[in-house]
Amino acid sequence: MESLFLITVVIFFLGVFFIGLSGGIFRWRALNNKKAWEGSVIPLLIVGVPITIIGLILCT
């Protein structure tokens, strides 16, 4: 039972990491006067948001 909870927490924080990474890349691209929404920002959000939601669902 505890191992399932730990896996769920890891899944949740992995999703949060992807969302944070996309935010950092967004700010870096905006700071360098590039188009902020291009690059790997949207793919990281597409991966990060569902993983975070799955992690939240599994925690309950």
PDB file of N, CA and C in Angstrom:
ATOM      1  N   MET A   1       0.820  -1.193   0.000  1.00  0.00           N
ATOM      2  CA  MET A   1       0.000   0.000   0.000  1.00  0.00           C
ATOM      3  C   MET A   1       0.864   1.257   0.000  1.00  0.00           C
ATOM      4  N   GLU A   2       1.937   1.256   0.777  1.00  0.00           N
ATOM      5  CA  GLU A   2       2.792   2.436   0.831  1.00  0.00           C
ATOM      6  C   GLU A   2       3.555   2.636  -0.468  1.00  0.00           C
ATOM      7  N   SER A   3       3.905   1.550  -1.140  1.00  0.00           N
ATOM      8  CA  SER A   3       4.647   1.694  -2.393  1.00  0.00           C
ATOM      9  C   SER A   3       3.768   2.323  -3.472  1.00  0.00           C
ATOM     10  N   LEU A   4       2.481   1.994  -3.475  1.00  0.00           N
ATOM     11  CA  LEU A   4       1.565   2.610  -4.431  1.00  0.00           C
ATOM     12  C   LEU A   4       1.452   4.107  -4.178  1.00  0.00           C
ATOM     13  N   PHE A   5       1.395   4.496  -2.911  1.00  0.00           N
ATOM     14  CA  PHE A   5       1.330   5.915  -2.576  1.00  0.00           C
ATOM     15  C   PHE A   5       2.601   6.637  -3.018  1.00  0.00           C
ATOM     16  N   LEU A   6       3.757   6.025  -2.813  1.00  0.00           N
ATOM     17  CA  LEU A   6       5.016   6.644  -3.231  1.00  0.00           C
ATOM     18  C   LEU A   6       5.091   6.791  -4.745  1.00  0.00           C
ATOM     19  N   ILE A   7       4.614   5.793  -5.468  1.00  0.00           N
ATOM     20  CA  ILE A   7       4.587   5.882  -6.935  1.00  0.00           C
ATOM     21  C   ILE A   7       3.672   7.018  -7.367  1.00  0.00           C
ATOM     22  N   THR A   8       2.534   7.159  -6.697  1.00  0.00           N
ATOM     23  CA  THR A   8       1.596   8.236  -7.008  1.00  0.00           C
ATOM     24  C   THR A   8       2.220   9.601  -6.755  1.00  0.00           C
ATOM     25  N   VAL A   9       2.945   9.737  -5.658  1.00  0.00           N
ATOM     26  CA  VAL A   9       3.601  11.008  -5.343  1.00  0.00           C
ATOM     27  C   VAL A   9       4.673  11.320  -6.383  1.00  0.00           C
ATOM     28  N   VAL A  10       5.415  10.310  -6.809  1.00  0.00           N
ATOM     29  CA  VAL A  10       6.437  10.511  -7.844  1.00  0.00           C
ATOM     30  C   VAL A  10       5.791  10.945  -9.152  1.00  0.00           C
ATOM     31  N   ILE A  11       4.677  10.320  -9.528  1.00  0.00           N
ATOM     32  CA  ILE A  11       3.960  10.706 -10.750  1.00  0.00           C
ATOM     33  C   ILE A  11       3.499  12.156 -10.657  1.00  0.00           C
ATOM     34  N   PHE A  12       2.951  12.535  -9.512  1.00  0.00           N
ATOM     35  CA  PHE A  12       2.480  13.907  -9.333  1.00  0.00           C
ATOM     36  C   PHE A  12       3.623  14.909  -9.479  1.00  0.00           C
ATOM     37  N   PHE A  13       4.732  14.661  -8.787  1.00  0.00           N
ATOM     38  CA  PHE A  13       5.841  15.612  -8.844  1.00  0.00           C
ATOM     39  C   PHE A  13       6.534  15.616 -10.201  1.00  0.00           C
ATOM     40  N   LEU A  14       6.470  14.511 -10.930  1.00  0.00           N
ATOM     41  CA  LEU A  14       6.991  14.492 -12.294  1.00  0.00           C
ATOM     42  C   LEU A  14       6.180  15.442 -13.180  1.00  0.00           C
ATOM     43  N   GLY A  15       4.857  15.414 -13.037  1.00  0.00           N
ATOM     44  CA  GLY A  15       4.008  16.341 -13.778  1.00  0.00           C
ATOM     45  C   GLY A  15       4.264  17.780 -13.396  1.00  0.00           C
ATOM     46  N   VAL A  16       4.432  18.040 -12.100  1.00  0.00           N
ATOM     47  CA  VAL A  16       4.737  19.397 -11.640  1.00  0.00           C
ATOM     48  C   VAL A  16       6.084  19.852 -12.195  1.00  0.00           C
ATOM     49  N   PHE A  17       7.051  18.939 -12.262  1.00  0.00           N
ATOM     50  CA  PHE A  17       8.359  19.264 -12.824  1.00  0.00           C
ATOM     51  C   PHE A  17       8.238  19.674 -14.291  1.00  0.00           C
ATOM     52  N   PHE A  18       7.446  18.929 -15.079  1.00  0.00           N
ATOM     53  CA  PHE A  18       7.270  19.274 -16.492  1.00  0.00           C
ATOM     54  C   PHE A  18       6.596  20.633 -16.651  1.00  0.00           C
ATOM     55  N   ILE A  19       5.607  20.926 -15.824  1.00  0.00           N
ATOM     56  CA  ILE A  19       4.935  22.224 -15.894  1.00  0.00           C
ATOM     57  C   ILE A  19       5.900  23.343 -15.515  1.00  0.00           C
ATOM     58  N   GLY A  20       6.680  23.131 -14.471  1.00  0.00           N
ATOM     59  CA  GLY A  20       7.666  24.137 -14.062  1.00  0.00           C
ATOM     60  C   GLY A  20       8.744  24.346 -15.105  1.00  0.00           C
ATOM     61  N   LEU A  21       9.181  23.258 -15.727  1.00  0.00           N
ATOM     62  CA  LEU A  21      10.188  23.361 -16.779  1.00  0.00           C
ATOM     63  C   LEU A  21       9.652  24.147 -17.971  1.00  0.00           C
ATOM     64  N   SER A  22       8.401  23.917 -18.333  1.00  0.00           N
ATOM     65  CA  SER A  22       7.829  24.672 -19.450  1.00  0.00           C
ATOM     66  C   SER A  22       7.701  26.152 -19.095  1.00  0.00           C
ATOM     67  N   GLY A  23       7.375  26.458 -17.845  1.00  0.00           N
ATOM     68  CA  GLY A  23       7.313  27.859 -17.417  1.00  0.00           C
ATOM     69  C   GLY A  23       8.674  28.525 -17.459  1.00  0.00           C
ATOM     70  N   GLY A  24       9.701  27.796 -17.046  1.00  0.00           N
ATOM     71  CA  GLY A  24      11.059  28.336 -17.103  1.00  0.00           C
ATOM     72  C   GLY A  24      11.517  28.585 -18.526  1.00  0.00           C
ATOM     73  N   ILE A  25      11.213  27.644 -19.417  1.00  0.00           N
ATOM     74  CA  ILE A  25      11.578  27.814 -20.825  1.00  0.00           C
ATOM     75  C   ILE A  25      10.809  28.983 -21.423  1.00  0.00           C
ATOM     76  N   PHE A  26       9.529  29.130 -21.052  1.00  0.00           N
ATOM     77  CA  PHE A  26       8.728  30.253 -21.535  1.00  0.00           C
ATOM     78  C   PHE A  26       9.368  31.581 -21.135  1.00  0.00           C
ATOM     79  N   ARG A  27       9.744  31.705 -19.862  1.00  0.00           N
ATOM     80  CA  ARG A  27      10.353  32.957 -19.392  1.00  0.00           C
ATOM     81  C   ARG A  27      11.707  33.202 -20.048  1.00  0.00           C
ATOM     82  N   TRP A  28      12.497  32.150 -20.223  1.00  0.00           N
ATOM     83  CA  TRP A  28      13.807  32.292 -20.850  1.00  0.00           C
ATOM     84  C   TRP A  28      13.669  32.775 -22.293  1.00  0.00           C
ATOM     85  N   ARG A  29      12.707  32.196 -23.032  1.00  0.00           N
ATOM     86  CA  ARG A  29      12.507  32.604 -24.421  1.00  0.00           C
ATOM     87  C   ARG A  29      11.981  34.040 -24.490  1.00  0.00           C
ATOM     88  N   ALA A  30      11.104  34.419 -23.569  1.00  0.00           N
ATOM     89  CA  ALA A  30      10.590  35.788 -23.552  1.00  0.00           C
ATOM     90  C   ALA A  30      11.697  36.775 -23.201  1.00  0.00           C
ATOM     91  N   LEU A  31      12.578  36.390 -22.298  1.00  0.00           N
ATOM     92  CA  LEU A  31      13.684  37.251 -21.898  1.00  0.00           C
ATOM     93  C   LEU A  31      14.666  37.472 -23.046  1.00  0.00           C
ATOM     94  N   ASN A  32      14.808  36.468 -23.897  1.00  0.00           N
ATOM     95  CA  ASN A  32      15.728  36.563 -25.031  1.00  0.00           C
ATOM     96  C   ASN A  32      15.062  37.072 -26.304  1.00  0.00           C
ATOM     97  N   ASN A  33      13.881  37.659 -26.182  1.00  0.00           N
ATOM     98  CA  ASN A  33      13.131  38.241 -27.302  1.00  0.00           C
ATOM     99  C   ASN A  33      12.853  37.237 -28.415  1.00  0.00           C
ATOM    100  N   LYS A  34      12.539  36.014 -28.027  1.00  0.00           N
ATOM    101  CA  LYS A  34      12.091  35.005 -28.988  1.00  0.00           C
ATOM    102  C   LYS A  34      10.600  34.796 -28.767  1.00  0.00           C
ATOM    103  N   LYS A  35       9.963  34.117 -29.696  1.00  0.00           N
ATOM    104  CA  LYS A  35       8.544  33.813 -29.514  1.00  0.00           C
ATOM    105  C   LYS A  35       8.411  32.824 -28.362  1.00  0.00           C
ATOM    106  N   ALA A  36       7.761  33.277 -27.307  1.00  0.00           N
ATOM    107  CA  ALA A  36       7.768  32.517 -26.054  1.00  0.00           C
ATOM    108  C   ALA A  36       6.998  31.201 -26.149  1.00  0.00           C
ATOM    109  N   TRP A  37       5.944  31.145 -26.965  1.00  0.00           N
ATOM    110  CA  TRP A  37       5.126  29.936 -27.012  1.00  0.00           C
ATOM    111  C   TRP A  37       5.670  28.888 -27.965  1.00  0.00           C
ATOM    112  N   GLU A  38       6.726  29.201 -28.691  1.00  0.00           N
ATOM    113  CA  GLU A  38       7.312  28.202 -29.581  1.00  0.00           C
ATOM    114  C   GLU A  38       8.348  27.397 -28.813  1.00  0.00           C
ATOM    115  N   GLY A  39       8.998  26.495 -29.471  1.00  0.00           N
ATOM    116  CA  GLY A  39       9.973  25.655 -28.786  1.00  0.00           C
ATOM    117  C   GLY A  39       9.279  24.498 -28.089  1.00  0.00           C
ATOM    118  N   SER A  40       9.770  24.138 -26.918  1.00  0.00           N
ATOM    119  CA  SER A  40       9.238  22.964 -26.217  1.00  0.00           C
ATOM    120  C   SER A  40       8.250  23.322 -25.111  1.00  0.00           C
ATOM    121  N   VAL A  41       7.729  24.539 -25.119  1.00  0.00           N
ATOM    122  CA  VAL A  41       6.818  24.966 -24.053  1.00  0.00           C
ATOM    123  C   VAL A  41       5.499  24.198 -24.127  1.00  0.00           C
ATOM    124  N   ILE A  42       4.861  24.205 -25.263  1.00  0.00           N
ATOM    125  CA  ILE A  42       3.551  23.557 -25.400  1.00  0.00           C
ATOM    126  C   ILE A  42       3.646  22.037 -25.256  1.00  0.00           C
ATOM    127  N   PRO A  43       4.634  21.358 -25.880  1.00  0.00           N
ATOM    128  CA  PRO A  43       4.719  19.906 -25.645  1.00  0.00           C
ATOM    129  C   PRO A  43       4.929  19.533 -24.179  1.00  0.00           C
ATOM    130  N   LEU A  44       5.712  20.322 -23.446  1.00  0.00           N
ATOM    131  CA  LEU A  44       5.904  20.029 -22.025  1.00  0.00           C
ATOM    132  C   LEU A  44       4.611  20.232 -21.241  1.00  0.00           C
ATOM    133  N   LEU A  45       3.826  21.231 -21.620  1.00  0.00           N
ATOM    134  CA  LEU A  45       2.529  21.426 -20.964  1.00  0.00           C
ATOM    135  C   LEU A  45       1.564  20.294 -21.299  1.00  0.00           C
ATOM    136  N   ILE A  46       1.593  19.846 -22.560  1.00  0.00           N
ATOM    137  CA  ILE A  46       0.707  18.756 -22.976  1.00  0.00           C
ATOM    138  C   ILE A  46       1.033  17.477 -22.207  1.00  0.00           C
ATOM    139  N   VAL A  47       2.294  17.280 -21.878  1.00  0.00           N
ATOM    140  CA  VAL A  47       2.695  16.103 -21.103  1.00  0.00           C
ATOM    141  C   VAL A  47       2.490  16.344 -19.607  1.00  0.00           C
ATOM    142  N   GLY A  48       2.831  17.526 -19.113  1.00  0.00           N
ATOM    143  CA  GLY A  48       2.834  17.791 -17.680  1.00  0.00           C
ATOM    144  C   GLY A  48       1.466  17.885 -17.045  1.00  0.00           C
ATOM    145  N   VAL A  49       0.530  18.525 -17.712  1.00  0.00           N
ATOM    146  CA  VAL A  49      -0.802  18.717 -17.116  1.00  0.00           C
ATOM    147  C   VAL A  49      -1.530  17.382 -16.917  1.00  0.00           C
ATOM    148  N   PRO A  50      -1.593  16.502 -17.933  1.00  0.00           N
ATOM    149  CA  PRO A  50      -2.272  15.218 -17.677  1.00  0.00           C
ATOM    150  C   PRO A  50      -1.581  14.355 -16.622  1.00  0.00           C
ATOM    151  N   ILE A  51      -0.245  14.372 -16.600  1.00  0.00           N
ATOM    152  CA  ILE A  51       0.461  13.582 -15.591  1.00  0.00           C
ATOM    153  C   ILE A  51       0.137  14.106 -14.195  1.00  0.00           C
ATOM    154  N   THR A  52       0.073  15.423 -14.038  1.00  0.00           N
ATOM    155  CA  THR A  52      -0.271  16.001 -12.740  1.00  0.00           C
ATOM    156  C   THR A  52      -1.698  15.643 -12.343  1.00  0.00           C
ATOM    157  N   ILE A  53      -2.617  15.713 -13.279  1.00  0.00           N
ATOM    158  CA  ILE A  53      -4.016  15.372 -12.988  1.00  0.00           C
ATOM    159  C   ILE A  53      -4.140  13.900 -12.619  1.00  0.00           C
ATOM    160  N   ILE A  54      -3.432  13.027 -13.332  1.00  0.00           N
ATOM    161  CA  ILE A  54      -3.452  11.599 -13.006  1.00  0.00           C
ATOM    162  C   ILE A  54      -2.887  11.375 -11.607  1.00  0.00           C
ATOM    163  N   GLY A  55      -1.807  12.073 -11.285  1.00  0.00           N
ATOM    164  CA  GLY A  55      -1.238  11.956  -9.944  1.00  0.00           C
ATOM    165  C   GLY A  55      -2.207  12.404  -8.865  1.00  0.00           C
ATOM    166  N   LEU A  56      -2.941  13.477  -9.125  1.00  0.00           N
ATOM    167  CA  LEU A  56      -3.937  13.950  -8.153  1.00  0.00           C
ATOM    168  C   LEU A  56      -5.078  12.953  -7.992  1.00  0.00           C
ATOM    169  N   ILE A  57      -5.511  12.375  -9.098  1.00  0.00           N
ATOM    170  CA  ILE A  57      -6.606  11.399  -9.035  1.00  0.00           C
ATOM    171  C   ILE A  57      -6.172  10.157  -8.267  1.00  0.00           C
ATOM    172  N   LEU A  58      -4.946   9.707  -8.506  1.00  0.00           N
ATOM    173  CA  LEU A  58      -4.472   8.504  -7.825  1.00  0.00           C
ATOM    174  C   LEU A  58      -4.236   8.731  -6.335  1.00  0.00           C
ATOM    175  N   CYS A  59      -3.967   9.972  -5.935  1.00  0.00           N
ATOM    176  CA  CYS A  59      -3.735  10.267  -4.513  1.00  0.00           C
ATOM    177  C   CYS A  59      -5.009  10.171  -3.689  1.00  0.00           C
ATOM    178  N   THR A  60      -6.146  10.360  -4.330  1.00  0.00           N
ATOM    179  CA  THR A  60      -7.400  10.349  -3.564  1.00  0.00           C
ATOM    180  C   THR A  60      -7.949   8.964  -3.386  1.00  0.00           C
TER     181      THR A  60
END
